[in-house]
Amino acid sequence: MVSSEHCPKVSIVTPSYSQAKFIERTLLSVLRQDYPNLEYIVVDGNSTDGSKRILNKYSEKLAHLVIEPDEGQTDALNKGFSLATGEIIAYINSDDCYANETVVSTAVRVLQENNDIDLVYGKRYFVNASGIFINAMPFRPFDRSLLYLNDYIPQECSFWTREIFEKSGSFVNSTFDFAMDYELWLRFLDHGASFLAVNEVFGLFRWYDGQKSQNAWRTKGLPEIERLHRQYTGFYIEEAKMMDYYQQHYFLAHPKEDADAYAFCYRLWEKQLAYRRQILKSPLDLWALDAS
């Protein structure tokens, strides 16, 4: 439950490693939120690409800046969450951005107006390395049974209460490298959490060559999702069917037999990119850089 009588502190954690190309837009999309009680924590795994210079530039505006070697993304997240003191918690990766300056205040308002809700999430837009709109993730009202089949809740668009986080152990499972957010949602459900979807764009998920999500989908993602299905439902979904689920519920695309879901959708997006650029000629994440 979130108090409705004040502005509860919101703690946001960003794990980062060698994301100098994108990290400044991520930082600014958080720092330029219009919400007055924000605790921003950045944990960098001792980057070697110039990220430290950018992070140090904004260090005085951060509640905590940790720069030290770590054991990967989940380790960085757990370091950040251990420092968080907010009543509401979220994390956003160092190549993603919030969609506008009102995302946090909207999430807080929804949680305050619905004090039986433990996690609220909004919609996701996919953008390319330059911030140009690629596609929109379909809006999915919360469906408990569907969540047990696939993770349709966009991580960078999600905010949850400290209460449910503490009930669920106050950690991100470090045995997961790809599906740690999905594991966290299912663990929340296991501890009685209630979820609510908001039909507003909260996050910009960056899609580009070489990113973790694209490279690890088949080799790490599917095995981890299979592991979660076995743990929480007791059944196993065949790989081909799992790809169909993700194409239907995670992307705006039609199922295609024996196609890698990410590669298939990416090809579709590339074909439409020229047209989309005519509609949206400016990068969607420039609002943070251009803010006064």
C-alpha atoms as a PDB file:
ATOM      1  CA  MET A   1       0.000   0.000   0.000  1.00  0.00           C
ATOM      2  CA  VAL A   2       1.257   3.476  -0.917  1.00  0.00           C
ATOM      3  CA  SER A   3       0.382   6.481   1.206  1.00  0.00           C
ATOM      4  CA  SER A   4      -2.012   8.964  -0.408  1.00  0.00           C
ATOM      5  CA  GLU A   5      -1.186  11.831   1.958  1.00  0.00           C
ATOM      6  CA  HIS A   6       2.290  12.741   0.740  1.00  0.00           C
ATOM      7  CA  CYS A   7       4.703  12.272  -2.120  1.00  0.00           C
ATOM      8  CA  PRO A   8       6.223   8.877  -1.327  1.00  0.00           C
ATOM      9  CA  LYS A   9       9.867   8.486  -2.200  1.00  0.00           C
ATOM     10  CA  VAL A  10      10.479   6.621  -5.455  1.00  0.00           C
ATOM     11  CA  SER A  11      13.770   4.748  -5.786  1.00  0.00           C
ATOM     12  CA  ILE A  12      14.980   4.043  -9.321  1.00  0.00           C
ATOM     13  CA  VAL A  13      18.041   1.901  -9.995  1.00  0.00           C
ATOM     14  CA  THR A  14      20.054   1.830 -13.213  1.00  0.00           C
ATOM     15  CA  PRO A  15      22.601  -0.964 -13.692  1.00  0.00           C
ATOM     16  CA  SER A  16      25.179  -0.125 -16.331  1.00  0.00           C
ATOM     17  CA  TYR A  17      28.266  -1.430 -18.032  1.00  0.00           C
ATOM     18  CA  SER A  18      29.955   0.274 -20.988  1.00  0.00           C
ATOM     19  CA  GLN A  19      26.889   2.083 -22.305  1.00  0.00           C
ATOM     20  CA  ALA A  20      28.487   5.462 -22.970  1.00  0.00           C
ATOM     21  CA  LYS A  21      26.531   5.759 -26.211  1.00  0.00           C
ATOM     22  CA  PHE A  22      23.164   5.735 -24.415  1.00  0.00           C
ATOM     23  CA  ILE A  23      23.642   6.318 -20.688  1.00  0.00           C
ATOM     24  CA  GLU A  24      23.240  10.113 -20.747  1.00  0.00           C
ATOM     25  CA  ARG A  25      19.757   9.912 -22.246  1.00  0.00           C
ATOM     26  CA  THR A  26      18.811   7.331 -19.649  1.00  0.00           C
ATOM     27  CA  LEU A  27      20.115   9.522 -16.829  1.00  0.00           C
ATOM     28  CA  LEU A  28      18.338  12.619 -18.075  1.00  0.00           C
ATOM     29  CA  SER A  29      15.063  10.792 -18.644  1.00  0.00           C
ATOM     30  CA  VAL A  30      15.097  10.005 -14.917  1.00  0.00           C
ATOM     31  CA  LEU A  31      16.576  13.237 -13.576  1.00  0.00           C
ATOM     32  CA  ARG A  32      14.111  15.359 -15.557  1.00  0.00           C
ATOM     33  CA  GLN A  33      11.024  13.652 -14.192  1.00  0.00           C
ATOM     34  CA  ASP A  34       8.602  16.170 -12.687  1.00  0.00           C
ATOM     35  CA  TYR A  35       8.153  14.093  -9.530  1.00  0.00           C
ATOM     36  CA  PRO A  36       9.603  15.893  -6.470  1.00  0.00           C
ATOM     37  CA  ASN A  37      10.727  12.967  -4.299  1.00  0.00           C
ATOM     38  CA  LEU A  38      13.005  10.818  -6.415  1.00  0.00           C
ATOM     39  CA  GLU A  39      15.998   8.760  -5.301  1.00  0.00           C
ATOM     40  CA  TYR A  40      18.164   7.779  -8.267  1.00  0.00           C
ATOM     41  CA  ILE A  41      20.831   5.112  -7.839  1.00  0.00           C
ATOM     42  CA  VAL A  42      23.281   4.133 -10.585  1.00  0.00           C
ATOM     43  CA  VAL A  43      25.523   1.088 -10.299  1.00  0.00           C
ATOM     44  CA  ASP A  44      28.256   0.815 -12.923  1.00  0.00           C
ATOM     45  CA  GLY A  45      30.391  -2.302 -13.291  1.00  0.00           C
ATOM     46  CA  ASN A  46      33.630  -0.343 -13.792  1.00  0.00           C
ATOM     47  CA  SER A  47      33.008   0.549 -17.438  1.00  0.00           C
ATOM     48  CA  THR A  48      35.900   1.067 -19.820  1.00  0.00           C
ATOM     49  CA  ASP A  49      34.206   3.038 -22.615  1.00  0.00           C
ATOM     50  CA  GLY A  50      33.834   6.555 -21.243  1.00  0.00           C
ATOM     51  CA  SER A  51      30.724   5.880 -19.156  1.00  0.00           C
ATOM     52  CA  LYS A  52      32.499   6.950 -15.956  1.00  0.00           C
ATOM     53  CA  ARG A  53      33.064  10.453 -17.296  1.00  0.00           C
ATOM     54  CA  ILE A  54      29.369  10.822 -18.089  1.00  0.00           C
ATOM     55  CA  LEU A  55      28.300   9.371 -14.745  1.00  0.00           C
ATOM     56  CA  ASN A  56      30.638  11.642 -12.806  1.00  0.00           C
ATOM     57  CA  LYS A  57      29.180  14.621 -14.681  1.00  0.00           C
ATOM     58  CA  TYR A  58      25.811  13.900 -13.024  1.00  0.00           C
ATOM     59  CA  SER A  59      27.066  12.437  -9.748  1.00  0.00           C
ATOM     60  CA  GLU A  60      25.850  15.345  -7.609  1.00  0.00           C
ATOM     61  CA  LYS A  61      22.299  14.751  -8.828  1.00  0.00           C
ATOM     62  CA  LEU A  62      22.364  11.060  -7.947  1.00  0.00           C
ATOM     63  CA  ALA A  63      21.473   9.697  -4.528  1.00  0.00           C
ATOM     64  CA  HIS A  64      24.155   7.040  -4.983  1.00  0.00           C
ATOM     65  CA  LEU A  65      26.736   6.344  -7.662  1.00  0.00           C
ATOM     66  CA  VAL A  66      28.553   3.033  -7.321  1.00  0.00           C
ATOM     67  CA  ILE A  67      31.422   2.324  -9.711  1.00  0.00           C
ATOM     68  CA  GLU A  68      33.095  -1.001  -9.068  1.00  0.00           C
ATOM     69  CA  PRO A  69      33.443  -4.415 -10.684  1.00  0.00           C
ATOM     70  CA  ASP A  70      30.393  -6.617 -10.361  1.00  0.00           C
ATOM     71  CA  GLU A  71      29.184 -10.038 -11.408  1.00  0.00           C
ATOM     72  CA  GLY A  72      26.700  -8.822 -13.990  1.00  0.00           C
ATOM     73  CA  GLN A  73      23.361  -7.078 -14.266  1.00  0.00           C
ATOM     74  CA  THR A  74      21.562  -8.829 -11.422  1.00  0.00           C
ATOM     75  CA  ASP A  75      24.473  -8.219  -9.064  1.00  0.00           C
ATOM     76  CA  ALA A  76      24.390  -4.529  -9.963  1.00  0.00           C
ATOM     77  CA  LEU A  77      20.629  -4.423  -9.434  1.00  0.00           C
ATOM     78  CA  ASN A  78      20.883  -6.041  -6.028  1.00  0.00           C
ATOM     79  CA  LYS A  79      23.579  -3.560  -5.010  1.00  0.00           C
ATOM     80  CA  GLY A  80      21.292  -0.741  -6.052  1.00  0.00           C
ATOM     81  CA  PHE A  81      18.186  -2.123  -4.381  1.00  0.00           C
ATOM     82  CA  SER A  82      20.117  -2.619  -1.139  1.00  0.00           C
ATOM     83  CA  LEU A  83      20.689   1.157  -1.109  1.00  0.00           C
ATOM     84  CA  ALA A  84      17.106   2.068  -2.018  1.00  0.00           C
ATOM     85  CA  THR A  85      14.966   3.661   0.688  1.00  0.00           C
ATOM     86  CA  GLY A  86      11.879   4.503  -1.352  1.00  0.00           C
ATOM     87  CA  GLU A  87       8.326   3.407  -0.757  1.00  0.00           C
ATOM     88  CA  ILE A  88       8.075   2.696  -4.497  1.00  0.00           C
ATOM     89  CA  ILE A  89      10.810   0.944  -6.476  1.00  0.00           C
ATOM     90  CA  ALA A  90      11.723   0.582 -10.154  1.00  0.00           C
ATOM     91  CA  TYR A  91      14.693   0.007 -12.392  1.00  0.00           C
ATOM     92  CA  ILE A  92      15.586   1.130 -15.870  1.00  0.00           C
ATOM     93  CA  ASN A  93      18.505  -0.194 -17.877  1.00  0.00           C
ATOM     94  CA  SER A  94      21.235   2.071 -19.172  1.00  0.00           C
ATOM     95  CA  ASP A  95      20.165   1.917 -22.815  1.00  0.00           C
ATOM     96  CA  ASP A  96      16.454   2.572 -22.207  1.00  0.00           C
ATOM     97  CA  CYS A  97      14.552   5.757 -21.344  1.00  0.00           C
ATOM     98  CA  TYR A  98      11.333   6.960 -19.831  1.00  0.00           C
ATOM     99  CA  ALA A  99       8.952   8.235 -22.484  1.00  0.00           C
ATOM    100  CA  ASN A 100       8.317  11.656 -20.944  1.00  0.00           C
ATOM    101  CA  GLU A 101       8.752  13.677 -17.760  1.00  0.00           C
ATOM    102  CA  THR A 102       5.452  12.602 -16.157  1.00  0.00           C
ATOM    103  CA  VAL A 103       5.987   8.823 -16.058  1.00  0.00           C
ATOM    104  CA  VAL A 104       6.959   8.608 -12.386  1.00  0.00           C
ATOM    105  CA  SER A 105       4.251  10.979 -11.182  1.00  0.00           C
ATOM    106  CA  THR A 106       1.654   9.031 -13.183  1.00  0.00           C
ATOM    107  CA  ALA A 107       2.782   5.724 -11.700  1.00  0.00           C
ATOM    108  CA  VAL A 108       2.684   7.141  -8.170  1.00  0.00           C
ATOM    109  CA  ARG A 109      -0.768   8.615  -8.693  1.00  0.00           C
ATOM    110  CA  VAL A 110      -2.122   5.291  -9.940  1.00  0.00           C
ATOM    111  CA  LEU A 111      -0.651   3.432  -6.965  1.00  0.00           C
ATOM    112  CA  GLN A 112      -2.086   6.005  -4.558  1.00  0.00           C
ATOM    113  CA  GLU A 113      -5.524   5.815  -6.153  1.00  0.00           C
ATOM    114  CA  ASN A 114      -5.480   2.010  -6.066  1.00  0.00           C
ATOM    115  CA  ASN A 115      -4.027   1.116  -2.693  1.00  0.00           C
ATOM    116  CA  ASP A 116      -4.698  -2.587  -3.197  1.00  0.00           C
ATOM    117  CA  ILE A 117      -2.260  -2.648  -6.147  1.00  0.00           C
ATOM    118  CA  ASP A 118       1.355  -3.713  -5.682  1.00  0.00           C
ATOM    119  CA  LEU A 119       2.732  -3.164  -9.188  1.00  0.00           C
ATOM    120  CA  VAL A 120       1.695  -0.793 -11.954  1.00  0.00           C
ATOM    121  CA  TYR A 121       2.990  -0.875 -15.519  1.00  0.00           C
ATOM    122  CA  GLY A 122       2.508   1.180 -18.671  1.00  0.00           C
ATOM    123  CA  LYS A 123       3.115   0.703 -22.386  1.00  0.00           C
ATOM    124  CA  ARG A 124       6.408   0.303 -24.213  1.00  0.00           C
ATOM    125  CA  TYR A 125       7.636   1.771 -27.469  1.00  0.00           C
ATOM    126  CA  PHE A 126      10.606   0.218 -29.245  1.00  0.00           C
ATOM    127  CA  VAL A 127      13.196   2.695 -30.563  1.00  0.00           C
ATOM    128  CA  ASN A 128      16.417   2.144 -32.476  1.00  0.00           C
ATOM    129  CA  ALA A 129      19.926   3.218 -31.510  1.00  0.00           C
ATOM    130  CA  SER A 130      19.119   6.773 -32.619  1.00  0.00           C
ATOM    131  CA  GLY A 131      15.881   6.913 -30.652  1.00  0.00           C
ATOM    132  CA  ILE A 132      13.653   6.669 -33.735  1.00  0.00           C
ATOM    133  CA  PHE A 133      10.342   4.879 -33.213  1.00  0.00           C
ATOM    134  CA  ILE A 134      10.354   1.300 -34.508  1.00  0.00           C
ATOM    135  CA  ASN A 135       7.235  -0.314 -33.145  1.00  0.00           C
ATOM    136  CA  ALA A 136       4.849  -0.446 -30.216  1.00  0.00           C
ATOM    137  CA  MET A 137       4.492  -3.322 -27.831  1.00  0.00           C
ATOM    138  CA  PRO A 138       0.802  -4.278 -27.661  1.00  0.00           C
ATOM    139  CA  PHE A 139      -0.983  -2.990 -24.576  1.00  0.00           C
ATOM    140  CA  ARG A 140      -1.933  -5.908 -22.339  1.00  0.00           C
ATOM    141  CA  PRO A 141      -4.327  -5.423 -19.410  1.00  0.00           C
ATOM    142  CA  PHE A 142      -3.155  -7.587 -16.567  1.00  0.00           C
ATOM    143  CA  ASP A 143      -4.078 -11.247 -16.965  1.00  0.00           C
ATOM    144  CA  ARG A 144      -2.678 -13.555 -14.317  1.00  0.00           C
ATOM    145  CA  SER A 145      -3.016 -16.725 -16.372  1.00  0.00           C
ATOM    146  CA  LEU A 146      -1.362 -15.107 -19.395  1.00  0.00           C
ATOM    147  CA  LEU A 147       1.594 -13.944 -17.317  1.00  0.00           C
ATOM    148  CA  TYR A 148       2.309 -17.548 -16.422  1.00  0.00           C
ATOM    149  CA  LEU A 149       2.679 -18.225 -20.170  1.00  0.00           C
ATOM    150  CA  ASN A 150       4.877 -15.290 -21.155  1.00  0.00           C
ATOM    151  CA  ASP A 151       6.283 -12.063 -19.819  1.00  0.00           C
ATOM    152  CA  TYR A 152       4.229  -9.308 -21.414  1.00  0.00           C
ATOM    153  CA  ILE A 153       5.003  -6.766 -18.660  1.00  0.00           C
ATOM    154  CA  PRO A 154       7.668  -4.298 -19.858  1.00  0.00           C
ATOM    155  CA  GLN A 155      10.299  -3.967 -17.159  1.00  0.00           C
ATOM    156  CA  GLU A 156      11.281  -0.336 -17.739  1.00  0.00           C
ATOM    157  CA  CYS A 157       7.585   0.580 -17.562  1.00  0.00           C
ATOM    158  CA  SER A 158       6.986  -1.029 -14.151  1.00  0.00           C
ATOM    159  CA  PHE A 159       6.848   0.382 -10.619  1.00  0.00           C
ATOM    160  CA  TRP A 160       6.173  -1.650  -7.500  1.00  0.00           C
ATOM    161  CA  THR A 161       5.809  -1.128  -3.774  1.00  0.00           C
ATOM    162  CA  ARG A 162       8.514  -1.750  -1.222  1.00  0.00           C
ATOM    163  CA  GLU A 163       5.973  -3.823   0.670  1.00  0.00           C
ATOM    164  CA  ILE A 164       5.652  -6.475  -2.057  1.00  0.00           C
ATOM    165  CA  PHE A 165       9.397  -6.357  -2.747  1.00  0.00           C
ATOM    166  CA  GLU A 166      10.176  -7.104   0.899  1.00  0.00           C
ATOM    167  CA  LYS A 167       7.521  -9.812   1.075  1.00  0.00           C
ATOM    168  CA  SER A 168       9.177 -11.429  -1.940  1.00  0.00           C
ATOM    169  CA  GLY A 169      12.688 -11.398  -0.503  1.00  0.00           C
ATOM    170  CA  SER A 170      14.028  -7.957  -1.536  1.00  0.00           C
ATOM    171  CA  PHE A 171      16.262  -9.292  -4.291  1.00  0.00           C
ATOM    172  CA  VAL A 172      16.583  -9.998  -7.987  1.00  0.00           C
ATOM    173  CA  ASN A 173      17.430 -13.645  -8.624  1.00  0.00           C
ATOM    174  CA  SER A 174      21.091 -13.740  -9.628  1.00  0.00           C
ATOM    175  CA  THR A 175      20.752 -17.197 -11.189  1.00  0.00           C
ATOM    176  CA  PHE A 176      18.917 -15.544 -14.096  1.00  0.00           C
ATOM    177  CA  ASP A 177      20.804 -13.571 -16.713  1.00  0.00           C
ATOM    178  CA  PHE A 178      17.960 -12.824 -19.125  1.00  0.00           C
ATOM    179  CA  ALA A 179      14.575 -13.410 -17.462  1.00  0.00           C
ATOM    180  CA  MET A 180      15.273 -11.908 -14.040  1.00  0.00           C
ATOM    181  CA  ASP A 181      12.382  -9.469 -14.364  1.00  0.00           C
ATOM    182  CA  TYR A 182       9.973 -12.257 -15.349  1.00  0.00           C
ATOM    183  CA  GLU A 183      11.130 -14.289 -12.354  1.00  0.00           C
ATOM    184  CA  LEU A 184      10.502 -11.274 -10.118  1.00  0.00           C
ATOM    185  CA  TRP A 185       6.942 -10.795 -11.444  1.00  0.00           C
ATOM    186  CA  LEU A 186       6.119 -14.471 -10.863  1.00  0.00           C
ATOM    187  CA  ARG A 187       7.623 -14.324  -7.384  1.00  0.00           C
ATOM    188  CA  PHE A 188       5.473 -11.267  -6.666  1.00  0.00           C
ATOM    189  CA  LEU A 189       2.402 -13.246  -7.733  1.00  0.00           C
ATOM    190  CA  ASP A 190       3.512 -16.093  -5.510  1.00  0.00           C
ATOM    191  CA  HIS A 191       3.418 -13.662  -2.585  1.00  0.00           C
ATOM    192  CA  GLY A 192      -0.066 -12.366  -3.351  1.00  0.00           C
ATOM    193  CA  ALA A 193       0.695  -9.322  -5.487  1.00  0.00           C
ATOM    194  CA  SER A 194      -1.936  -7.445  -7.484  1.00  0.00           C
ATOM    195  CA  PHE A 195      -0.947  -5.833 -10.796  1.00  0.00           C
ATOM    196  CA  LEU A 196      -2.543  -3.008 -12.771  1.00  0.00           C
ATOM    197  CA  ALA A 197      -1.902  -1.844 -16.341  1.00  0.00           C
ATOM    198  CA  VAL A 198      -2.027   1.805 -17.420  1.00  0.00           C
ATOM    199  CA  ASN A 199      -2.802   2.550 -21.053  1.00  0.00           C
ATOM    200  CA  GLU A 200      -0.094   5.205 -21.362  1.00  0.00           C
ATOM    201  CA  VAL A 201       3.409   4.984 -22.783  1.00  0.00           C
ATOM    202  CA  PHE A 202       5.899   4.783 -19.922  1.00  0.00           C
ATOM    203  CA  GLY A 203       9.083   3.489 -21.521  1.00  0.00           C
ATOM    204  CA  LEU A 204      11.301   3.469 -24.594  1.00  0.00           C
ATOM    205  CA  PHE A 205      13.068   0.143 -25.079  1.00  0.00           C
ATOM    206  CA  ARG A 206      16.103   0.490 -27.297  1.00  0.00           C
ATOM    207  CA  TRP A 207      16.569  -2.166 -29.999  1.00  0.00           C
ATOM    208  CA  TYR A 208      19.952  -2.343 -31.724  1.00  0.00           C
ATOM    209  CA  ASP A 209      22.617  -4.744 -32.960  1.00  0.00           C
ATOM    210  CA  GLY A 210      24.739  -6.220 -30.199  1.00  0.00           C
ATOM    211  CA  GLN A 211      22.375  -5.628 -27.297  1.00  0.00           C
ATOM    212  CA  LYS A 212      21.947  -8.281 -24.636  1.00  0.00           C
ATOM    213  CA  SER A 213      18.236  -8.870 -25.275  1.00  0.00           C
ATOM    214  CA  GLN A 214      18.810  -9.516 -28.960  1.00  0.00           C
ATOM    215  CA  ASN A 215      21.854 -11.744 -28.604  1.00  0.00           C
ATOM    216  CA  ALA A 216      20.685 -13.846 -25.661  1.00  0.00           C
ATOM    217  CA  TRP A 217      17.107 -14.540 -26.681  1.00  0.00           C
ATOM    218  CA  ARG A 218      17.503 -18.119 -27.893  1.00  0.00           C
ATOM    219  CA  THR A 219      20.611 -19.235 -25.997  1.00  0.00           C
ATOM    220  CA  LYS A 220      19.671 -17.894 -22.558  1.00  0.00           C
ATOM    221  CA  GLY A 221      16.172 -16.473 -22.724  1.00  0.00           C
ATOM    222  CA  LEU A 222      14.218 -19.536 -23.760  1.00  0.00           C
ATOM    223  CA  PRO A 223      15.952 -21.923 -21.316  1.00  0.00           C
ATOM    224  CA  GLU A 224      15.350 -19.501 -18.449  1.00  0.00           C
ATOM    225  CA  ILE A 225      11.700 -19.062 -19.400  1.00  0.00           C
ATOM    226  CA  GLU A 226      11.323 -22.837 -19.613  1.00  0.00           C
ATOM    227  CA  ARG A 227      12.814 -23.089 -16.135  1.00  0.00           C
ATOM    228  CA  LEU A 228      10.275 -20.593 -14.798  1.00  0.00           C
ATOM    229  CA  HIS A 229       7.392 -22.424 -16.434  1.00  0.00           C
ATOM    230  CA  ARG A 230       8.451 -25.661 -14.809  1.00  0.00           C
ATOM    231  CA  GLN A 231       8.892 -23.974 -11.432  1.00  0.00           C
ATOM    232  CA  TYR A 232       5.666 -21.981 -11.327  1.00  0.00           C
ATOM    233  CA  THR A 233       3.268 -24.014 -13.454  1.00  0.00           C
ATOM    234  CA  GLY A 234       4.720 -27.503 -13.551  1.00  0.00           C
ATOM    235  CA  PHE A 235       4.508 -27.754 -17.339  1.00  0.00           C
ATOM    236  CA  TYR A 236       6.780 -27.139 -20.290  1.00  0.00           C
ATOM    237  CA  ILE A 237       5.922 -25.225 -23.463  1.00  0.00           C
ATOM    238  CA  GLU A 238       7.703 -26.349 -26.620  1.00  0.00           C
ATOM    239  CA  GLU A 239      10.104 -23.832 -28.115  1.00  0.00           C
ATOM    240  CA  ALA A 240       8.104 -23.306 -31.323  1.00  0.00           C
ATOM    241  CA  LYS A 241       4.922 -22.641 -29.336  1.00  0.00           C
ATOM    242  CA  MET A 242       6.794 -20.322 -27.010  1.00  0.00           C
ATOM    243  CA  MET A 243       7.952 -18.255 -29.974  1.00  0.00           C
ATOM    244  CA  ASP A 244       4.372 -18.079 -31.200  1.00  0.00           C
ATOM    245  CA  TYR A 245       3.244 -16.845 -27.783  1.00  0.00           C
ATOM    246  CA  TYR A 246       5.869 -14.123 -27.789  1.00  0.00           C
ATOM    247  CA  GLN A 247       5.143 -13.032 -31.328  1.00  0.00           C
ATOM    248  CA  GLN A 248       1.417 -12.790 -30.591  1.00  0.00           C
ATOM    249  CA  HIS A 249       1.583 -11.234 -27.152  1.00  0.00           C
ATOM    250  CA  TYR A 250       4.919  -9.428 -27.076  1.00  0.00           C
ATOM    251  CA  PHE A 251       5.224  -8.007 -30.585  1.00  0.00           C
ATOM    252  CA  LEU A 252       2.985  -6.613 -33.292  1.00  0.00           C
ATOM    253  CA  ALA A 253       3.707  -9.512 -35.641  1.00  0.00           C
ATOM    254  CA  HIS A 254       2.144 -12.710 -36.867  1.00  0.00           C
ATOM    255  CA  PRO A 255       3.479 -16.142 -35.900  1.00  0.00           C
ATOM    256  CA  LYS A 256       5.938 -17.636 -38.329  1.00  0.00           C
ATOM    257  CA  GLU A 257       6.985 -21.241 -37.941  1.00  0.00           C
ATOM    258  CA  ASP A 258      10.630 -21.865 -36.999  1.00  0.00           C
ATOM    259  CA  ALA A 259      11.458 -18.132 -36.999  1.00  0.00           C
ATOM    260  CA  ASP A 260      13.468 -16.476 -34.279  1.00  0.00           C
ATOM    261  CA  ALA A 261      10.962 -14.059 -32.779  1.00  0.00           C
ATOM    262  CA  TYR A 262      13.336 -11.143 -32.416  1.00  0.00           C
ATOM    263  CA  ALA A 263      14.984 -11.523 -35.822  1.00  0.00           C
ATOM    264  CA  PHE A 264      11.641 -11.949 -37.552  1.00  0.00           C
ATOM    265  CA  CYS A 265      10.150  -8.852 -35.992  1.00  0.00           C
ATOM    266  CA  TYR A 266      13.315  -6.874 -36.557  1.00  0.00           C
ATOM    267  CA  ARG A 267      13.177  -7.599 -40.301  1.00  0.00           C
ATOM    268  CA  LEU A 268       9.586  -6.396 -40.391  1.00  0.00           C
ATOM    269  CA  TRP A 269      10.498  -3.227 -38.531  1.00  0.00           C
ATOM    270  CA  GLU A 270      13.418  -2.451 -40.826  1.00  0.00           C
ATOM    271  CA  LYS A 271      11.186  -2.652 -43.903  1.00  0.00           C
ATOM    272  CA  GLN A 272       8.819  -0.137 -42.355  1.00  0.00           C
ATOM    273  CA  LEU A 273      11.460   2.135 -40.899  1.00  0.00           C
ATOM    274  CA  ALA A 274      11.585   4.592 -43.787  1.00  0.00           C
ATOM    275  CA  TYR A 275       7.827   5.077 -43.587  1.00  0.00           C
ATOM    276  CA  ARG A 276       7.891   5.412 -39.820  1.00  0.00           C
ATOM    277  CA  ARG A 277      10.588   8.058 -40.038  1.00  0.00           C
ATOM    278  CA  GLN A 278       8.255  10.159 -42.173  1.00  0.00           C
ATOM    279  CA  ILE A 279       5.734   9.995 -39.332  1.00  0.00           C
ATOM    280  CA  LEU A 280       8.185  10.389 -36.469  1.00  0.00           C
ATOM    281  CA  LYS A 281      11.208  12.255 -37.748  1.00  0.00           C
ATOM    282  CA  SER A 282      12.687  13.106 -34.360  1.00  0.00           C
ATOM    283  CA  PRO A 283      14.111  10.631 -31.856  1.00  0.00           C
ATOM    284  CA  LEU A 284      11.564   9.983 -29.128  1.00  0.00           C
ATOM    285  CA  ASP A 285      14.183  10.222 -26.394  1.00  0.00           C
ATOM    286  CA  LEU A 286      15.324  13.739 -27.335  1.00  0.00           C
ATOM    287  CA  TRP A 287      12.786  15.223 -24.915  1.00  0.00           C
ATOM    288  CA  ALA A 288      15.260  14.527 -22.102  1.00  0.00           C
ATOM    289  CA  LEU A 289      18.214  16.145 -23.866  1.00  0.00           C
ATOM    290  CA  ASP A 290      16.174  19.118 -25.044  1.00  0.00           C
ATOM    291  CA  ALA A 291      14.476  19.841 -21.714  1.00  0.00           C
ATOM    292  CA  SER A 292      15.314  23.188 -20.223  1.00  0.00           C
END
